[in-house]
Amino acid sequence: MPASLDTVKQFLQLAESCVIDYAAYTPVLHPEVEEIEFPNLHNKQGLRRDFEGIIDGIRHGRELLSRQELAGWNFVTSNDNTVVAEIRWRGEMSIRNQRVVPGQILTGHFCRVFELKDGLIFRLRDYYCYEMF
């Protein structure tokens, strides 16, 4: 298994567990990491995040969800610097707002493209497709 795949899997496990300790991510995220989330059902404008923004996004998810699961992982590697991951995400809401209620399960199908530099995730492009709810 390529080292790049190990790095990506470690990142996904941290994110799935909603770990928000910056130090936990230093072995997997490059200090100059950039995440691009393309427009989707929950984020119509899309956005860009740096290292701190990625952790803040995970923190925000932790506030909205009582639990989440990343499953159905399928990975394709290209050389040792690029990993494409297909993932099914399920999250149980812990909040109530105009669109969701506590206990409601949301499902998404994600394609995440990871580019590595110096063995760390340097660029991350997220294509999120959520099922309607």
N, C-alpha and C. Protein backbone atom coordinates (compact mmCIF):
# COMPACT_ATOMS: atom_id res chain seq x y z
N MET A 1 0.85 -1.17 0.00
CA MET A 1 0.00 0.00 0.00
C MET A 1 0.90 1.24 0.00
N PRO A 2 0.67 2.18 -0.93
CA PRO A 2 1.48 3.39 -0.96
C PRO A 2 1.34 4.21 0.33
N ALA A 3 2.42 4.87 0.70
CA ALA A 3 2.40 5.72 1.90
C ALA A 3 1.33 6.80 1.78
N SER A 4 1.10 7.30 0.56
CA SER A 4 0.09 8.34 0.37
C SER A 4 -1.30 7.84 0.77
N LEU A 5 -1.59 6.58 0.49
CA LEU A 5 -2.88 6.01 0.85
C LEU A 5 -3.00 5.89 2.37
N ASP A 6 -1.94 5.49 3.03
CA ASP A 6 -1.94 5.44 4.50
C ASP A 6 -2.23 6.81 5.09
N THR A 7 -1.61 7.85 4.53
CA THR A 7 -1.80 9.22 5.02
C THR A 7 -3.25 9.65 4.85
N VAL A 8 -3.82 9.38 3.69
CA VAL A 8 -5.22 9.75 3.43
C VAL A 8 -6.17 9.00 4.37
N LYS A 9 -5.95 7.72 4.55
CA LYS A 9 -6.81 6.95 5.46
C LYS A 9 -6.71 7.47 6.89
N GLN A 10 -5.51 7.84 7.31
CA GLN A 10 -5.34 8.38 8.66
C GLN A 10 -6.12 9.69 8.80
N PHE A 11 -6.04 10.56 7.80
CA PHE A 11 -6.80 11.81 7.82
C PHE A 11 -8.30 11.54 7.90
N LEU A 12 -8.79 10.62 7.07
CA LEU A 12 -10.23 10.33 7.05
C LEU A 12 -10.70 9.76 8.39
N GLN A 13 -9.88 8.95 9.03
CA GLN A 13 -10.25 8.40 10.34
C GLN A 13 -10.31 9.50 11.39
N LEU A 14 -9.37 10.44 11.35
CA LEU A 14 -9.40 11.56 12.28
C LEU A 14 -10.66 12.40 12.06
N ALA A 15 -10.94 12.71 10.80
CA ALA A 15 -12.10 13.54 10.49
C ALA A 15 -13.41 12.83 10.86
N GLU A 16 -13.49 11.53 10.58
CA GLU A 16 -14.70 10.78 10.92
C GLU A 16 -14.96 10.81 12.43
N SER A 17 -13.89 10.76 13.22
CA SER A 17 -14.00 10.79 14.68
C SER A 17 -14.15 12.21 15.22
N CYS A 18 -14.15 13.19 14.32
CA CYS A 18 -14.29 14.61 14.69
C CYS A 18 -13.19 15.06 15.66
N VAL A 19 -11.99 14.57 15.46
CA VAL A 19 -10.84 15.00 16.26
C VAL A 19 -10.56 16.45 15.89
N ILE A 20 -10.42 17.32 16.90
CA ILE A 20 -10.16 18.74 16.64
C ILE A 20 -8.84 19.23 17.24
N ASP A 21 -7.99 18.30 17.61
CA ASP A 21 -6.67 18.63 18.12
C ASP A 21 -5.73 18.86 16.94
N TYR A 22 -5.24 20.09 16.79
CA TYR A 22 -4.37 20.43 15.66
C TYR A 22 -3.18 19.49 15.57
N ALA A 23 -2.62 19.13 16.69
CA ALA A 23 -1.42 18.27 16.70
C ALA A 23 -1.69 16.91 16.07
N ALA A 24 -2.93 16.42 16.16
CA ALA A 24 -3.26 15.12 15.58
C ALA A 24 -3.17 15.15 14.05
N TYR A 25 -3.31 16.34 13.46
CA TYR A 25 -3.31 16.47 12.01
C TYR A 25 -1.94 16.81 11.43
N THR A 26 -0.98 17.19 12.25
CA THR A 26 0.33 17.55 11.71
C THR A 26 1.04 16.39 11.01
N PRO A 27 0.80 15.12 11.38
CA PRO A 27 1.43 14.03 10.63
C PRO A 27 0.78 13.76 9.27
N VAL A 28 -0.36 14.41 8.97
CA VAL A 28 -1.05 14.11 7.71
C VAL A 28 -1.32 15.34 6.84
N LEU A 29 -1.41 16.52 7.43
CA LEU A 29 -1.69 17.73 6.66
C LEU A 29 -0.44 18.60 6.53
N HIS A 30 -0.17 19.01 5.32
CA HIS A 30 0.94 19.93 5.06
C HIS A 30 0.60 21.28 5.68
N PRO A 31 1.57 22.01 6.22
CA PRO A 31 1.27 23.32 6.83
C PRO A 31 0.60 24.30 5.86
N GLU A 32 0.83 24.13 4.56
CA GLU A 32 0.25 25.02 3.55
C GLU A 32 -0.92 24.36 2.82
N VAL A 33 -1.58 23.40 3.46
CA VAL A 33 -2.68 22.68 2.84
C VAL A 33 -3.79 23.63 2.41
N GLU A 34 -4.44 23.29 1.31
CA GLU A 34 -5.62 24.02 0.86
C GLU A 34 -6.69 23.01 0.48
N GLU A 35 -7.87 23.20 1.03
CA GLU A 35 -9.04 22.38 0.69
C GLU A 35 -9.99 23.24 -0.12
N ILE A 36 -10.46 22.70 -1.23
CA ILE A 36 -11.46 23.37 -2.05
C ILE A 36 -12.71 22.51 -2.02
N GLU A 37 -13.78 23.07 -1.49
CA GLU A 37 -15.08 22.39 -1.49
C GLU A 37 -15.92 23.03 -2.58
N PHE A 38 -16.25 22.26 -3.58
CA PHE A 38 -17.04 22.79 -4.69
C PHE A 38 -18.49 22.94 -4.26
N PRO A 39 -19.25 23.84 -4.91
CA PRO A 39 -20.64 24.08 -4.52
C PRO A 39 -21.45 22.79 -4.44
N ASN A 40 -22.34 22.74 -3.44
CA ASN A 40 -23.16 21.56 -3.23
C ASN A 40 -24.44 21.96 -2.50
N LEU A 41 -25.25 21.00 -2.16
CA LEU A 41 -26.55 21.25 -1.53
C LEU A 41 -26.44 22.05 -0.23
N HIS A 42 -25.40 21.79 0.56
CA HIS A 42 -25.25 22.46 1.85
C HIS A 42 -24.37 23.70 1.79
N ASN A 43 -23.60 23.84 0.75
CA ASN A 43 -22.69 24.97 0.63
C ASN A 43 -22.75 25.46 -0.81
N LYS A 44 -23.73 26.27 -1.08
CA LYS A 44 -24.04 26.67 -2.45
C LYS A 44 -22.92 27.48 -3.12
N GLN A 45 -22.10 28.14 -2.34
CA GLN A 45 -21.02 28.96 -2.90
C GLN A 45 -19.70 28.21 -3.00
N GLY A 46 -19.60 27.06 -2.31
CA GLY A 46 -18.31 26.40 -2.21
C GLY A 46 -17.41 27.21 -1.29
N LEU A 47 -16.22 26.71 -1.03
CA LEU A 47 -15.30 27.47 -0.19
C LEU A 47 -13.89 26.92 -0.26
N ARG A 48 -12.97 27.67 0.29
CA ARG A 48 -11.57 27.26 0.40
C ARG A 48 -11.18 27.31 1.87
N ARG A 49 -10.42 26.32 2.30
CA ARG A 49 -9.97 26.27 3.69
C ARG A 49 -8.46 26.02 3.73
N ASP A 50 -7.83 26.59 4.73
CA ASP A 50 -6.43 26.28 5.03
C ASP A 50 -6.41 25.29 6.20
N PHE A 51 -5.24 25.04 6.75
CA PHE A 51 -5.10 24.07 7.85
C PHE A 51 -6.09 24.38 8.97
N GLU A 52 -6.06 25.62 9.43
CA GLU A 52 -6.95 26.00 10.54
C GLU A 52 -8.42 25.89 10.13
N GLY A 53 -8.74 26.27 8.90
CA GLY A 53 -10.11 26.19 8.42
C GLY A 53 -10.62 24.76 8.34
N ILE A 54 -9.73 23.82 7.99
CA ILE A 54 -10.13 22.42 7.94
C ILE A 54 -10.53 21.94 9.33
N ILE A 55 -9.72 22.27 10.33
CA ILE A 55 -10.03 21.87 11.72
C ILE A 55 -11.31 22.57 12.18
N ASP A 56 -11.47 23.85 11.84
CA ASP A 56 -12.69 24.57 12.21
C ASP A 56 -13.93 23.92 11.57
N GLY A 57 -13.79 23.45 10.33
CA GLY A 57 -14.90 22.76 9.67
C GLY A 57 -15.27 21.47 10.37
N ILE A 58 -14.25 20.75 10.83
CA ILE A 58 -14.50 19.52 11.58
C ILE A 58 -15.17 19.86 12.92
N ARG A 59 -14.72 20.92 13.56
CA ARG A 59 -15.33 21.37 14.82
C ARG A 59 -16.80 21.72 14.59
N HIS A 60 -17.09 22.42 13.51
CA HIS A 60 -18.46 22.79 13.19
C HIS A 60 -19.32 21.54 12.98
N GLY A 61 -18.78 20.56 12.25
CA GLY A 61 -19.50 19.30 12.05
C GLY A 61 -19.79 18.60 13.36
N ARG A 62 -18.83 18.67 14.26
CA ARG A 62 -18.99 18.04 15.59
C ARG A 62 -20.14 18.66 16.37
N GLU A 63 -20.37 19.97 16.14
CA GLU A 63 -21.46 20.67 16.82
C GLU A 63 -22.82 20.32 16.22
N LEU A 64 -22.85 19.93 14.95
CA LEU A 64 -24.10 19.64 14.26
C LEU A 64 -24.53 18.18 14.34
N LEU A 65 -23.55 17.29 14.52
CA LEU A 65 -23.80 15.85 14.41
C LEU A 65 -23.62 15.14 15.74
N SER A 66 -24.49 14.16 15.99
CA SER A 66 -24.28 13.31 17.16
C SER A 66 -23.36 12.16 16.80
N ARG A 67 -23.32 11.81 15.51
CA ARG A 67 -22.37 10.80 15.04
C ARG A 67 -22.31 10.88 13.52
N GLN A 68 -21.22 10.35 12.97
CA GLN A 68 -21.09 10.25 11.52
C GLN A 68 -20.30 9.00 11.18
N GLU A 69 -20.48 8.57 9.94
CA GLU A 69 -19.79 7.37 9.48
C GLU A 69 -19.34 7.58 8.04
N LEU A 70 -18.11 7.24 7.77
CA LEU A 70 -17.58 7.21 6.41
C LEU A 70 -17.42 5.74 6.05
N ALA A 71 -18.09 5.33 4.98
CA ALA A 71 -18.07 3.90 4.62
C ALA A 71 -17.94 3.77 3.10
N GLY A 72 -17.84 2.53 2.66
CA GLY A 72 -17.77 2.26 1.24
C GLY A 72 -16.57 2.88 0.58
N TRP A 73 -15.47 2.92 1.31
CA TRP A 73 -14.26 3.55 0.78
C TRP A 73 -13.77 2.82 -0.45
N ASN A 74 -13.50 3.58 -1.49
CA ASN A 74 -12.86 3.06 -2.69
C ASN A 74 -11.76 4.06 -3.04
N PHE A 75 -10.56 3.57 -3.23
CA PHE A 75 -9.42 4.45 -3.47
C PHE A 75 -8.75 4.12 -4.80
N VAL A 76 -8.30 5.15 -5.47
CA VAL A 76 -7.48 5.02 -6.67
C VAL A 76 -6.25 5.89 -6.44
N THR A 77 -5.09 5.31 -6.64
CA THR A 77 -3.86 6.08 -6.48
C THR A 77 -3.22 6.28 -7.85
N SER A 78 -2.62 7.45 -8.01
CA SER A 78 -1.89 7.78 -9.23
C SER A 78 -0.52 8.25 -8.80
N ASN A 79 0.51 7.55 -9.19
CA ASN A 79 1.86 7.72 -8.67
C ASN A 79 1.77 7.69 -7.15
N ASP A 80 2.67 8.29 -6.45
CA ASP A 80 2.59 8.26 -4.98
C ASP A 80 2.15 9.61 -4.43
N ASN A 81 1.61 10.47 -5.31
CA ASN A 81 1.26 11.82 -4.86
C ASN A 81 -0.21 12.16 -4.96
N THR A 82 -1.03 11.29 -5.55
CA THR A 82 -2.45 11.60 -5.71
C THR A 82 -3.28 10.38 -5.31
N VAL A 83 -4.31 10.66 -4.51
CA VAL A 83 -5.25 9.61 -4.11
C VAL A 83 -6.66 10.16 -4.34
N VAL A 84 -7.49 9.39 -5.01
CA VAL A 84 -8.89 9.74 -5.19
C VAL A 84 -9.70 8.78 -4.33
N ALA A 85 -10.60 9.34 -3.53
CA ALA A 85 -11.40 8.52 -2.62
C ALA A 85 -12.88 8.72 -2.93
N GLU A 86 -13.60 7.60 -3.07
CA GLU A 86 -15.05 7.61 -3.16
C GLU A 86 -15.57 7.13 -1.81
N ILE A 87 -16.46 7.91 -1.22
CA ILE A 87 -16.89 7.63 0.15
C ILE A 87 -18.39 7.85 0.28
N ARG A 88 -19.05 6.97 1.02
CA ARG A 88 -20.44 7.21 1.41
C ARG A 88 -20.41 7.75 2.83
N TRP A 89 -21.05 8.89 3.05
CA TRP A 89 -21.10 9.52 4.36
C TRP A 89 -22.52 9.46 4.88
N ARG A 90 -22.63 9.17 6.17
CA ARG A 90 -23.93 9.24 6.87
C ARG A 90 -23.70 9.99 8.17
N GLY A 91 -24.55 10.97 8.42
CA GLY A 91 -24.45 11.74 9.64
C GLY A 91 -25.79 11.88 10.33
N GLU A 92 -25.78 11.70 11.65
CA GLU A 92 -27.01 11.86 12.44
C GLU A 92 -27.00 13.24 13.06
N MET A 93 -28.02 14.02 12.76
CA MET A 93 -28.09 15.40 13.23
C MET A 93 -28.36 15.46 14.73
N SER A 94 -27.73 16.44 15.37
CA SER A 94 -27.96 16.66 16.80
C SER A 94 -28.69 17.98 17.05
N ILE A 95 -28.96 18.72 15.99
CA ILE A 95 -29.59 20.04 16.12
C ILE A 95 -30.93 20.07 15.40
N ARG A 96 -31.68 21.11 15.69
CA ARG A 96 -32.94 21.36 14.99
C ARG A 96 -32.80 22.74 14.34
N ASN A 97 -33.17 22.80 13.08
CA ASN A 97 -33.30 24.09 12.40
C ASN A 97 -34.42 23.97 11.38
N GLN A 98 -34.49 24.90 10.44
CA GLN A 98 -35.61 24.88 9.50
C GLN A 98 -35.57 23.70 8.53
N ARG A 99 -34.45 22.97 8.47
CA ARG A 99 -34.33 21.87 7.50
C ARG A 99 -34.17 20.49 8.13
N VAL A 100 -33.68 20.42 9.36
CA VAL A 100 -33.40 19.11 9.96
C VAL A 100 -33.87 19.08 11.41
N VAL A 101 -34.00 17.85 11.93
CA VAL A 101 -34.37 17.64 13.33
C VAL A 101 -33.37 16.68 13.96
N PRO A 102 -33.20 16.73 15.29
CA PRO A 102 -32.30 15.79 15.94
C PRO A 102 -32.67 14.35 15.62
N GLY A 103 -31.66 13.54 15.36
CA GLY A 103 -31.88 12.14 15.03
C GLY A 103 -32.03 11.87 13.55
N GLN A 104 -32.25 12.91 12.76
CA GLN A 104 -32.40 12.73 11.31
C GLN A 104 -31.06 12.30 10.71
N ILE A 105 -31.10 11.34 9.82
CA ILE A 105 -29.89 10.84 9.16
C ILE A 105 -29.78 11.47 7.77
N LEU A 106 -28.64 12.07 7.50
CA LEU A 106 -28.34 12.60 6.17
C LEU A 106 -27.32 11.68 5.52
N THR A 107 -27.41 11.57 4.20
CA THR A 107 -26.50 10.70 3.45
C THR A 107 -25.88 11.50 2.32
N GLY A 108 -24.59 11.28 2.12
CA GLY A 108 -23.88 11.93 1.03
C GLY A 108 -22.95 10.95 0.34
N HIS A 109 -22.66 11.24 -0.92
CA HIS A 109 -21.73 10.46 -1.72
C HIS A 109 -20.62 11.42 -2.13
N PHE A 110 -19.42 11.14 -1.69
CA PHE A 110 -18.32 12.07 -1.85
C PHE A 110 -17.23 11.53 -2.75
N CYS A 111 -16.65 12.42 -3.51
CA CYS A 111 -15.41 12.15 -4.21
C CYS A 111 -14.42 13.19 -3.70
N ARG A 112 -13.31 12.72 -3.16
CA ARG A 112 -12.29 13.61 -2.59
C ARG A 112 -10.96 13.30 -3.26
N VAL A 113 -10.35 14.33 -3.80
CA VAL A 113 -9.07 14.17 -4.50
C VAL A 113 -7.98 14.78 -3.62
N PHE A 114 -7.05 13.95 -3.21
CA PHE A 114 -5.95 14.35 -2.33
C PHE A 114 -4.67 14.42 -3.14
N GLU A 115 -3.97 15.54 -3.06
CA GLU A 115 -2.63 15.66 -3.64
C GLU A 115 -1.65 15.81 -2.49
N LEU A 116 -0.57 15.04 -2.52
CA LEU A 116 0.40 15.06 -1.43
C LEU A 116 1.70 15.72 -1.87
N LYS A 117 2.34 16.34 -0.90
CA LYS A 117 3.65 16.96 -1.09
C LYS A 117 4.45 16.67 0.17
N ASP A 118 5.64 16.19 0.00
CA ASP A 118 6.49 15.81 1.15
C ASP A 118 5.79 14.79 2.04
N GLY A 119 4.96 13.94 1.43
CA GLY A 119 4.28 12.88 2.17
C GLY A 119 3.05 13.34 2.94
N LEU A 120 2.66 14.62 2.79
CA LEU A 120 1.52 15.17 3.52
C LEU A 120 0.47 15.69 2.55
N ILE A 121 -0.78 15.73 2.99
CA ILE A 121 -1.87 16.23 2.15
C ILE A 121 -1.67 17.73 1.95
N PHE A 122 -1.51 18.10 0.68
CA PHE A 122 -1.20 19.48 0.31
C PHE A 122 -2.39 20.17 -0.35
N ARG A 123 -3.10 19.46 -1.19
CA ARG A 123 -4.30 19.97 -1.84
C ARG A 123 -5.39 18.93 -1.70
N LEU A 124 -6.61 19.41 -1.47
CA LEU A 124 -7.76 18.53 -1.30
C LEU A 124 -8.94 19.17 -2.02
N ARG A 125 -9.49 18.44 -2.99
CA ARG A 125 -10.66 18.91 -3.73
C ARG A 125 -11.83 18.01 -3.38
N ASP A 126 -12.91 18.63 -2.90
CA ASP A 126 -14.08 17.88 -2.44
C ASP A 126 -15.28 18.10 -3.36
N TYR A 127 -15.84 16.99 -3.80
CA TYR A 127 -17.06 17.01 -4.61
C TYR A 127 -18.10 16.24 -3.79
N TYR A 128 -19.01 17.00 -3.14
CA TYR A 128 -19.99 16.40 -2.24
C TYR A 128 -21.34 16.35 -2.94
N CYS A 129 -21.97 15.19 -2.95
CA CYS A 129 -23.30 15.01 -3.50
C CYS A 129 -24.18 14.45 -2.38
N TYR A 130 -25.11 15.27 -1.89
CA TYR A 130 -25.97 14.86 -0.79
C TYR A 130 -27.32 14.39 -1.32
N GLU A 131 -27.86 13.36 -0.70
CA GLU A 131 -29.22 12.94 -1.04
C GLU A 131 -30.18 13.97 -0.51
N MET A 132 -31.28 14.16 -1.20
CA MET A 132 -32.28 15.14 -0.78
C MET A 132 -32.92 14.70 0.53
N PHE A 133 -33.31 15.66 1.33
CA PHE A 133 -33.97 15.35 2.61
C PHE A 133 -35.05 16.37 2.86
